[in-house]
Amino acid sequence: MRKVLFVCLGNICRSPTAEGVFRAQVAAAGLSDVISIDSAGTAAWHIGKAPDQRAQAAASRRGYDLTELRGRQVAVADFGEFDFILAMDRSNLADLQAQCPAEHRHKVRLFLSFSSQWQDHEVPDPYYGGAEGFDHVLNMVEDAGIGLLEVIRARIGQEIRPKA
C-alpha cells in the first residue's frame, strides 16, 4: 500500500481538490486497493469543515466529488505513515520540513514536482480570488496527479516483479 498526503494551509481548497482528483485518477487506473489518499492543512483553522463551496463546485463540473472530505491538520504521525507528503506551495513545504523528523524528510516535496507543465511552480491559493482560480488549480493538480501516478505505478511494478 502506497499512502499519499496532500497538504495546503487550511485544507479546504487546494489539498482536498488534489485528494479528490487523485482519488478519481487512481480509481480509473484500477489501483484504489494499493494507493491510499488523504489531505491535511498545516493550520488548524478549518478542522472538520467541508471543502470551500467554490472548490466543490469547480470539482463537480469536472466530475470530482469532494462532498465527503473534511479538513484536518497535519499530525506528527503522518510523517511516518505516508510515503508521499506533497505540499501545494513553498510556504507549506517549509512548515512541513520544520515539523518533519529527519528520517522522513525525503517524503516531503512540492506536489507540482510531478507535473509535466508546472514543475517549478506552486499551486496558487484560490481562496481570495474568483472562480477561475479554482479551475486553474484543477488544471494543475490533474496534470501533477498523472505524473505522481506514473511514479507510484513504477514503484509498485518494481516490487511485484519476480526476482531474477
N, C-alpha and C. Protein backbone atom coordinates (compact mmCIF):
# COMPACT_ATOMS: atom_id res chain seq x y z
N MET A 1 0.84 -1.18 0.00
CA MET A 1 0.00 0.00 0.00
C MET A 1 0.88 1.24 0.00
N ARG A 2 0.65 2.12 -0.95
CA ARG A 2 1.31 3.42 -1.00
C ARG A 2 0.34 4.45 -0.44
N LYS A 3 0.85 5.35 0.38
CA LYS A 3 -0.01 6.36 1.01
C LYS A 3 0.46 7.75 0.62
N VAL A 4 -0.51 8.56 0.16
CA VAL A 4 -0.24 9.91 -0.33
C VAL A 4 -1.02 10.91 0.52
N LEU A 5 -0.33 11.96 0.98
CA LEU A 5 -0.96 13.04 1.73
C LEU A 5 -0.72 14.35 1.01
N PHE A 6 -1.80 15.05 0.65
CA PHE A 6 -1.71 16.36 0.02
C PHE A 6 -1.91 17.41 1.11
N VAL A 7 -1.07 18.47 1.07
CA VAL A 7 -1.10 19.46 2.16
C VAL A 7 -1.11 20.88 1.62
N CYS A 8 -2.06 21.68 2.15
CA CYS A 8 -2.07 23.12 1.91
C CYS A 8 -2.22 23.80 3.27
N LEU A 9 -2.59 25.04 3.30
CA LEU A 9 -2.67 25.77 4.57
C LEU A 9 -3.89 25.36 5.40
N GLY A 10 -5.08 25.51 4.84
CA GLY A 10 -6.29 25.28 5.62
C GLY A 10 -7.02 23.99 5.34
N ASN A 11 -6.65 23.27 4.30
CA ASN A 11 -7.27 22.01 3.91
C ASN A 11 -8.73 22.19 3.52
N ILE A 12 -9.04 23.31 2.81
CA ILE A 12 -10.40 23.48 2.30
C ILE A 12 -10.43 23.83 0.81
N CYS A 13 -9.29 24.08 0.19
CA CYS A 13 -9.28 24.41 -1.25
C CYS A 13 -8.36 23.47 -2.03
N ARG A 14 -7.07 23.73 -1.95
CA ARG A 14 -6.12 23.03 -2.81
C ARG A 14 -5.92 21.57 -2.47
N SER A 15 -5.63 21.27 -1.21
CA SER A 15 -5.33 19.87 -0.88
C SER A 15 -6.55 18.95 -0.99
N PRO A 16 -7.77 19.37 -0.60
CA PRO A 16 -8.89 18.46 -0.85
C PRO A 16 -9.20 18.32 -2.34
N THR A 17 -8.93 19.37 -3.13
CA THR A 17 -9.10 19.25 -4.57
C THR A 17 -8.13 18.21 -5.11
N ALA A 18 -6.87 18.28 -4.67
CA ALA A 18 -5.88 17.30 -5.11
C ALA A 18 -6.27 15.89 -4.66
N GLU A 19 -6.78 15.77 -3.44
CA GLU A 19 -7.22 14.47 -2.95
C GLU A 19 -8.34 13.91 -3.82
N GLY A 20 -9.35 14.72 -4.11
CA GLY A 20 -10.47 14.27 -4.93
C GLY A 20 -10.07 13.89 -6.34
N VAL A 21 -9.22 14.72 -6.95
CA VAL A 21 -8.76 14.44 -8.31
C VAL A 21 -7.92 13.17 -8.33
N PHE A 22 -6.98 13.05 -7.39
CA PHE A 22 -6.10 11.88 -7.40
C PHE A 22 -6.87 10.61 -7.08
N ARG A 23 -7.87 10.68 -6.20
CA ARG A 23 -8.71 9.50 -5.94
C ARG A 23 -9.35 9.01 -7.23
N ALA A 24 -9.87 9.95 -8.02
CA ALA A 24 -10.51 9.58 -9.29
C ALA A 24 -9.48 9.00 -10.27
N GLN A 25 -8.29 9.58 -10.33
CA GLN A 25 -7.26 9.06 -11.23
C GLN A 25 -6.82 7.66 -10.81
N VAL A 26 -6.67 7.45 -9.52
CA VAL A 26 -6.27 6.14 -9.01
C VAL A 26 -7.37 5.11 -9.28
N ALA A 27 -8.62 5.50 -9.06
CA ALA A 27 -9.73 4.58 -9.33
C ALA A 27 -9.80 4.22 -10.81
N ALA A 28 -9.62 5.21 -11.68
CA ALA A 28 -9.65 4.96 -13.13
C ALA A 28 -8.53 4.00 -13.54
N ALA A 29 -7.41 4.05 -12.81
CA ALA A 29 -6.28 3.17 -13.10
C ALA A 29 -6.44 1.79 -12.47
N GLY A 30 -7.51 1.61 -11.68
CA GLY A 30 -7.73 0.32 -11.02
C GLY A 30 -6.78 0.06 -9.86
N LEU A 31 -6.30 1.13 -9.22
CA LEU A 31 -5.30 0.97 -8.17
C LEU A 31 -5.77 1.41 -6.79
N SER A 32 -7.07 1.54 -6.61
CA SER A 32 -7.60 2.01 -5.32
C SER A 32 -7.26 1.07 -4.17
N ASP A 33 -7.02 -0.19 -4.47
CA ASP A 33 -6.69 -1.14 -3.41
C ASP A 33 -5.22 -1.09 -3.01
N VAL A 34 -4.39 -0.36 -3.74
CA VAL A 34 -2.96 -0.29 -3.40
C VAL A 34 -2.46 1.14 -3.17
N ILE A 35 -3.33 2.14 -3.34
CA ILE A 35 -2.94 3.52 -3.09
C ILE A 35 -3.99 4.16 -2.19
N SER A 36 -3.54 4.67 -1.05
CA SER A 36 -4.40 5.35 -0.08
C SER A 36 -4.12 6.85 -0.17
N ILE A 37 -5.17 7.67 -0.07
CA ILE A 37 -5.04 9.11 -0.31
C ILE A 37 -5.75 9.89 0.80
N ASP A 38 -5.11 10.97 1.25
CA ASP A 38 -5.69 11.85 2.27
C ASP A 38 -5.19 13.26 2.01
N SER A 39 -5.74 14.21 2.75
CA SER A 39 -5.27 15.59 2.67
C SER A 39 -5.33 16.20 4.06
N ALA A 40 -4.55 17.26 4.25
CA ALA A 40 -4.49 17.93 5.54
C ALA A 40 -3.99 19.36 5.34
N GLY A 41 -4.11 20.15 6.40
CA GLY A 41 -3.60 21.52 6.37
C GLY A 41 -2.52 21.70 7.41
N THR A 42 -1.66 22.67 7.19
CA THR A 42 -0.65 22.97 8.20
C THR A 42 -1.24 23.81 9.32
N ALA A 43 -2.36 24.49 9.07
CA ALA A 43 -3.04 25.30 10.08
C ALA A 43 -4.30 24.57 10.55
N ALA A 44 -4.80 24.97 11.72
CA ALA A 44 -5.95 24.30 12.33
C ALA A 44 -7.26 25.05 12.13
N TRP A 45 -7.31 25.99 11.23
CA TRP A 45 -8.48 26.86 11.10
C TRP A 45 -9.76 26.14 10.68
N HIS A 46 -9.66 25.10 9.87
CA HIS A 46 -10.85 24.50 9.27
C HIS A 46 -11.04 23.02 9.60
N ILE A 47 -10.56 22.60 10.74
CA ILE A 47 -10.70 21.20 11.14
C ILE A 47 -12.18 20.82 11.17
N GLY A 48 -12.50 19.71 10.51
CA GLY A 48 -13.86 19.20 10.49
C GLY A 48 -14.78 19.85 9.47
N LYS A 49 -14.29 20.85 8.75
CA LYS A 49 -15.13 21.56 7.78
C LYS A 49 -14.99 20.94 6.39
N ALA A 50 -16.07 21.07 5.63
CA ALA A 50 -16.08 20.61 4.24
C ALA A 50 -15.23 21.55 3.39
N PRO A 51 -14.80 21.09 2.22
CA PRO A 51 -14.07 21.97 1.32
C PRO A 51 -14.92 23.20 0.94
N ASP A 52 -14.22 24.26 0.59
CA ASP A 52 -14.85 25.51 0.14
C ASP A 52 -15.88 25.19 -0.95
N GLN A 53 -17.03 25.86 -0.90
CA GLN A 53 -18.10 25.61 -1.87
C GLN A 53 -17.64 25.85 -3.31
N ARG A 54 -16.76 26.84 -3.50
CA ARG A 54 -16.26 27.11 -4.85
C ARG A 54 -15.38 25.98 -5.35
N ALA A 55 -14.58 25.40 -4.45
CA ALA A 55 -13.74 24.26 -4.81
C ALA A 55 -14.63 23.07 -5.15
N GLN A 56 -15.67 22.85 -4.36
CA GLN A 56 -16.58 21.74 -4.63
C GLN A 56 -17.30 21.93 -5.97
N ALA A 57 -17.73 23.16 -6.25
CA ALA A 57 -18.45 23.43 -7.50
C ALA A 57 -17.55 23.21 -8.71
N ALA A 58 -16.33 23.73 -8.64
CA ALA A 58 -15.39 23.56 -9.76
C ALA A 58 -15.07 22.09 -9.98
N ALA A 59 -14.84 21.37 -8.89
CA ALA A 59 -14.54 19.94 -8.98
C ALA A 59 -15.74 19.18 -9.55
N SER A 60 -16.92 19.50 -9.10
CA SER A 60 -18.13 18.83 -9.56
C SER A 60 -18.34 19.02 -11.06
N ARG A 61 -18.04 20.20 -11.57
CA ARG A 61 -18.18 20.44 -13.01
C ARG A 61 -17.29 19.52 -13.83
N ARG A 62 -16.21 19.02 -13.22
CA ARG A 62 -15.32 18.09 -13.92
C ARG A 62 -15.54 16.64 -13.51
N GLY A 63 -16.52 16.40 -12.69
CA GLY A 63 -16.86 15.03 -12.32
C GLY A 63 -16.20 14.52 -11.04
N TYR A 64 -15.63 15.41 -10.25
CA TYR A 64 -14.99 15.02 -8.99
C TYR A 64 -15.92 15.36 -7.83
N ASP A 65 -16.00 14.47 -6.85
CA ASP A 65 -16.86 14.68 -5.69
C ASP A 65 -16.01 14.92 -4.45
N LEU A 66 -16.12 16.12 -3.89
CA LEU A 66 -15.37 16.47 -2.67
C LEU A 66 -16.28 16.54 -1.45
N THR A 67 -17.55 16.21 -1.60
CA THR A 67 -18.53 16.47 -0.54
C THR A 67 -18.26 15.72 0.76
N GLU A 68 -17.64 14.57 0.70
CA GLU A 68 -17.41 13.78 1.91
C GLU A 68 -16.12 14.15 2.64
N LEU A 69 -15.28 14.96 2.02
CA LEU A 69 -13.98 15.30 2.61
C LEU A 69 -14.16 16.31 3.74
N ARG A 70 -13.31 16.22 4.76
CA ARG A 70 -13.34 17.13 5.90
C ARG A 70 -11.91 17.54 6.25
N GLY A 71 -11.77 18.80 6.63
CA GLY A 71 -10.45 19.34 6.94
C GLY A 71 -9.86 18.73 8.20
N ARG A 72 -8.57 18.58 8.16
CA ARG A 72 -7.81 18.14 9.34
C ARG A 72 -6.44 18.78 9.29
N GLN A 73 -5.75 18.77 10.39
CA GLN A 73 -4.41 19.33 10.47
C GLN A 73 -3.38 18.21 10.40
N VAL A 74 -2.25 18.51 9.79
CA VAL A 74 -1.13 17.56 9.74
C VAL A 74 -0.74 17.20 11.17
N ALA A 75 -0.49 15.91 11.39
CA ALA A 75 -0.04 15.41 12.69
C ALA A 75 1.37 14.84 12.52
N VAL A 76 2.12 14.80 13.59
CA VAL A 76 3.48 14.27 13.56
C VAL A 76 3.47 12.82 13.06
N ALA A 77 2.45 12.06 13.42
CA ALA A 77 2.36 10.66 12.99
C ALA A 77 2.26 10.52 11.47
N ASP A 78 1.77 11.56 10.79
CA ASP A 78 1.64 11.50 9.33
C ASP A 78 2.98 11.28 8.64
N PHE A 79 4.03 11.81 9.20
CA PHE A 79 5.34 11.69 8.56
C PHE A 79 5.82 10.25 8.50
N GLY A 80 5.47 9.45 9.47
CA GLY A 80 5.81 8.03 9.44
C GLY A 80 4.83 7.20 8.64
N GLU A 81 3.58 7.63 8.60
CA GLU A 81 2.53 6.85 7.95
C GLU A 81 2.51 6.97 6.43
N PHE A 82 2.79 8.17 5.90
CA PHE A 82 2.64 8.41 4.47
C PHE A 82 3.96 8.26 3.72
N ASP A 83 3.86 7.80 2.47
CA ASP A 83 5.03 7.64 1.61
C ASP A 83 5.34 8.92 0.83
N PHE A 84 4.30 9.68 0.53
CA PHE A 84 4.42 10.94 -0.20
C PHE A 84 3.65 12.00 0.59
N ILE A 85 4.34 13.07 0.98
CA ILE A 85 3.71 14.18 1.68
C ILE A 85 3.95 15.40 0.80
N LEU A 86 2.89 15.83 0.11
CA LEU A 86 3.03 16.75 -1.00
C LEU A 86 2.41 18.11 -0.71
N ALA A 87 3.27 19.10 -0.61
CA ALA A 87 2.85 20.47 -0.31
C ALA A 87 2.42 21.19 -1.58
N MET A 88 1.44 22.05 -1.43
CA MET A 88 0.94 22.82 -2.57
C MET A 88 1.80 24.04 -2.88
N ASP A 89 2.54 24.52 -1.89
CA ASP A 89 3.38 25.70 -2.12
C ASP A 89 4.61 25.66 -1.21
N ARG A 90 5.53 26.58 -1.46
CA ARG A 90 6.80 26.58 -0.71
C ARG A 90 6.63 26.95 0.76
N SER A 91 5.66 27.78 1.08
CA SER A 91 5.43 28.13 2.48
C SER A 91 4.99 26.90 3.28
N ASN A 92 4.05 26.14 2.74
CA ASN A 92 3.62 24.92 3.43
C ASN A 92 4.71 23.85 3.40
N LEU A 93 5.50 23.83 2.34
CA LEU A 93 6.63 22.91 2.29
C LEU A 93 7.60 23.21 3.43
N ALA A 94 7.90 24.49 3.64
CA ALA A 94 8.80 24.88 4.73
C ALA A 94 8.22 24.50 6.09
N ASP A 95 6.92 24.71 6.26
CA ASP A 95 6.27 24.32 7.52
C ASP A 95 6.36 22.82 7.75
N LEU A 96 6.14 22.05 6.71
CA LEU A 96 6.23 20.59 6.82
C LEU A 96 7.65 20.15 7.13
N GLN A 97 8.62 20.74 6.44
CA GLN A 97 10.02 20.37 6.67
C GLN A 97 10.46 20.70 8.09
N ALA A 98 9.93 21.78 8.65
CA ALA A 98 10.28 22.16 10.03
C ALA A 98 9.72 21.15 11.04
N GLN A 99 8.58 20.55 10.75
CA GLN A 99 7.95 19.58 11.65
C GLN A 99 8.45 18.16 11.45
N CYS A 100 8.97 17.87 10.28
CA CYS A 100 9.26 16.51 9.87
C CYS A 100 10.53 15.95 10.53
N PRO A 101 10.42 14.76 11.12
CA PRO A 101 11.63 14.10 11.63
C PRO A 101 12.60 13.83 10.47
N ALA A 102 13.87 13.93 10.75
CA ALA A 102 14.91 13.81 9.72
C ALA A 102 14.78 12.55 8.87
N GLU A 103 14.39 11.44 9.48
CA GLU A 103 14.33 10.18 8.73
C GLU A 103 13.19 10.13 7.71
N HIS A 104 12.30 11.11 7.75
CA HIS A 104 11.18 11.14 6.80
C HIS A 104 11.22 12.32 5.84
N ARG A 105 12.26 13.13 5.89
CA ARG A 105 12.31 14.34 5.04
C ARG A 105 12.26 14.03 3.55
N HIS A 106 12.75 12.87 3.15
CA HIS A 106 12.74 12.50 1.73
C HIS A 106 11.31 12.35 1.18
N LYS A 107 10.32 12.23 2.04
CA LYS A 107 8.94 12.06 1.61
C LYS A 107 8.25 13.39 1.29
N VAL A 108 8.80 14.47 1.78
CA VAL A 108 8.17 15.79 1.70
C VAL A 108 8.69 16.55 0.50
N ARG A 109 7.77 16.97 -0.38
CA ARG A 109 8.16 17.73 -1.56
C ARG A 109 6.97 18.50 -2.10
N LEU A 110 7.23 19.34 -3.09
CA LEU A 110 6.15 20.07 -3.75
C LEU A 110 5.38 19.12 -4.67
N PHE A 111 4.06 19.19 -4.64
CA PHE A 111 3.23 18.34 -5.49
C PHE A 111 3.53 18.58 -6.96
N LEU A 112 3.73 19.82 -7.36
CA LEU A 112 3.95 20.10 -8.77
C LEU A 112 5.29 19.62 -9.29
N SER A 113 6.12 19.04 -8.44
CA SER A 113 7.35 18.42 -8.94
C SER A 113 7.01 17.21 -9.82
N PHE A 114 5.77 16.74 -9.75
CA PHE A 114 5.32 15.62 -10.58
C PHE A 114 4.63 16.09 -11.86
N SER A 115 4.50 17.38 -12.04
CA SER A 115 3.79 17.95 -13.18
C SER A 115 4.64 17.96 -14.44
N SER A 116 4.01 17.79 -15.58
CA SER A 116 4.72 17.90 -16.85
C SER A 116 4.73 19.35 -17.34
N GLN A 117 3.87 20.19 -16.80
CA GLN A 117 3.73 21.56 -17.27
C GLN A 117 4.21 22.62 -16.27
N TRP A 118 4.09 22.35 -14.97
CA TRP A 118 4.35 23.37 -13.96
C TRP A 118 5.36 22.89 -12.90
N GLN A 119 6.43 22.24 -13.29
CA GLN A 119 7.35 21.64 -12.32
C GLN A 119 7.98 22.62 -11.34
N ASP A 120 8.23 23.83 -11.75
CA ASP A 120 8.89 24.79 -10.86
C ASP A 120 7.90 25.77 -10.24
N HIS A 121 6.66 25.41 -10.20
CA HIS A 121 5.63 26.31 -9.70
C HIS A 121 4.97 25.78 -8.44
N GLU A 122 4.17 26.66 -7.85
CA GLU A 122 3.36 26.31 -6.71
C GLU A 122 1.90 26.30 -7.16
N VAL A 123 1.07 25.54 -6.46
CA VAL A 123 -0.36 25.61 -6.70
C VAL A 123 -0.85 26.85 -5.96
N PRO A 124 -1.34 27.87 -6.68
CA PRO A 124 -1.75 29.11 -6.02
C PRO A 124 -3.02 28.93 -5.19
N ASP A 125 -3.11 29.65 -4.10
CA ASP A 125 -4.29 29.58 -3.24
C ASP A 125 -5.42 30.38 -3.89
N PRO A 126 -6.52 29.72 -4.28
CA PRO A 126 -7.60 30.41 -4.96
C PRO A 126 -8.61 31.07 -4.01
N TYR A 127 -8.41 30.95 -2.72
CA TYR A 127 -9.40 31.35 -1.72
C TYR A 127 -9.89 32.78 -1.87
N TYR A 128 -8.99 33.72 -2.11
CA TYR A 128 -9.37 35.14 -2.17
C TYR A 128 -9.65 35.63 -3.58
N GLY A 129 -9.67 34.73 -4.55
CA GLY A 129 -9.92 35.12 -5.93
C GLY A 129 -11.27 34.64 -6.44
N GLY A 130 -11.41 34.66 -7.73
CA GLY A 130 -12.66 34.26 -8.37
C GLY A 130 -12.68 32.79 -8.75
N ALA A 131 -13.74 32.40 -9.41
CA ALA A 131 -13.95 31.00 -9.80
C ALA A 131 -12.85 30.47 -10.71
N GLU A 132 -12.28 31.35 -11.55
CA GLU A 132 -11.24 30.89 -12.48
C GLU A 132 -10.02 30.35 -11.74
N GLY A 133 -9.76 30.82 -10.54
CA GLY A 133 -8.64 30.31 -9.74
C GLY A 133 -8.81 28.85 -9.37
N PHE A 134 -10.04 28.45 -9.09
CA PHE A 134 -10.32 27.06 -8.74
C PHE A 134 -10.16 26.16 -9.95
N ASP A 135 -10.54 26.67 -11.13
CA ASP A 135 -10.34 25.90 -12.37
C ASP A 135 -8.86 25.76 -12.68
N HIS A 136 -8.09 26.82 -12.43
CA HIS A 136 -6.64 26.75 -12.65
C HIS A 136 -6.00 25.71 -11.72
N VAL A 137 -6.43 25.69 -10.47
CA VAL A 137 -5.94 24.69 -9.52
C VAL A 137 -6.25 23.29 -10.03
N LEU A 138 -7.45 23.08 -10.53
CA LEU A 138 -7.81 21.77 -11.09
C LEU A 138 -6.90 21.39 -12.24
N ASN A 139 -6.62 22.32 -13.14
CA ASN A 139 -5.71 22.03 -14.26
C ASN A 139 -4.35 21.56 -13.75
N MET A 140 -3.84 22.25 -12.74
CA MET A 140 -2.53 21.93 -12.20
C MET A 140 -2.52 20.57 -11.51
N VAL A 141 -3.51 20.31 -10.66
CA VAL A 141 -3.49 19.06 -9.91
C VAL A 141 -3.82 17.86 -10.80
N GLU A 142 -4.63 18.05 -11.83
CA GLU A 142 -4.86 16.94 -12.77
C GLU A 142 -3.56 16.53 -13.44
N ASP A 143 -2.78 17.50 -13.88
CA ASP A 143 -1.51 17.21 -14.55
C ASP A 143 -0.51 16.56 -13.58
N ALA A 144 -0.35 17.14 -12.40
CA ALA A 144 0.60 16.59 -11.43
C ALA A 144 0.16 15.20 -10.96
N GLY A 145 -1.14 14.98 -10.85
CA GLY A 145 -1.64 13.67 -10.46
C GLY A 145 -1.25 12.58 -11.44
N ILE A 146 -1.29 12.90 -12.72
CA ILE A 146 -0.86 11.94 -13.75
C ILE A 146 0.61 11.56 -13.54
N GLY A 147 1.44 12.55 -13.29
CA GLY A 147 2.86 12.29 -13.07
C GLY A 147 3.11 11.49 -11.80
N LEU A 148 2.40 11.83 -10.73
CA LEU A 148 2.53 11.09 -9.47
C LEU A 148 2.09 9.64 -9.65
N LEU A 149 0.99 9.44 -10.35
CA LEU A 149 0.51 8.08 -10.59
C LEU A 149 1.53 7.25 -11.37
N GLU A 150 2.20 7.86 -12.33
CA GLU A 150 3.24 7.15 -13.09
C GLU A 150 4.39 6.72 -12.18
N VAL A 151 4.79 7.60 -11.26
CA VAL A 151 5.88 7.27 -10.33
C VAL A 151 5.46 6.12 -9.42
N ILE A 152 4.26 6.19 -8.88
CA ILE A 152 3.80 5.13 -7.98
C ILE A 152 3.64 3.81 -8.73
N ARG A 153 3.10 3.86 -9.94
CA ARG A 153 2.99 2.64 -10.75
C ARG A 153 4.35 1.99 -10.97
N ALA A 154 5.35 2.81 -11.26
CA ALA A 154 6.70 2.28 -11.47
C ALA A 154 7.23 1.62 -10.20
N ARG A 155 6.99 2.24 -9.05
CA ARG A 155 7.46 1.66 -7.78
C ARG A 155 6.72 0.37 -7.46
N ILE A 156 5.43 0.35 -7.67
CA ILE A 156 4.65 -0.85 -7.41
C ILE A 156 5.12 -1.96 -8.35
N GLY A 157 5.34 -1.63 -9.62
CA GLY A 157 5.80 -2.61 -10.60
C GLY A 157 7.13 -3.22 -10.23
N GLN A 158 8.03 -2.41 -9.68
CA GLN A 158 9.34 -2.92 -9.25
C GLN A 158 9.18 -3.90 -8.10
N GLU A 159 8.22 -3.65 -7.22
CA GLU A 159 8.03 -4.51 -6.06
C GLU A 159 7.42 -5.86 -6.42
N ILE A 160 6.59 -5.90 -7.46
CA ILE A 160 5.91 -7.16 -7.77
C ILE A 160 6.60 -7.97 -8.86
N ARG A 161 7.65 -7.42 -9.46
CA ARG A 161 8.39 -8.18 -10.46
C ARG A 161 9.11 -9.36 -9.82
N PRO A 162 9.11 -10.49 -10.45
CA PRO A 162 9.85 -11.63 -9.90
C PRO A 162 11.35 -11.34 -9.88
N LYS A 163 12.00 -11.81 -8.86
CA LYS A 163 13.45 -11.60 -8.75
C LYS A 163 14.18 -12.57 -9.65
N ALA A 164 15.21 -12.07 -10.31
CA ALA A 164 16.00 -12.90 -11.25
C ALA A 164 16.96 -13.79 -10.51
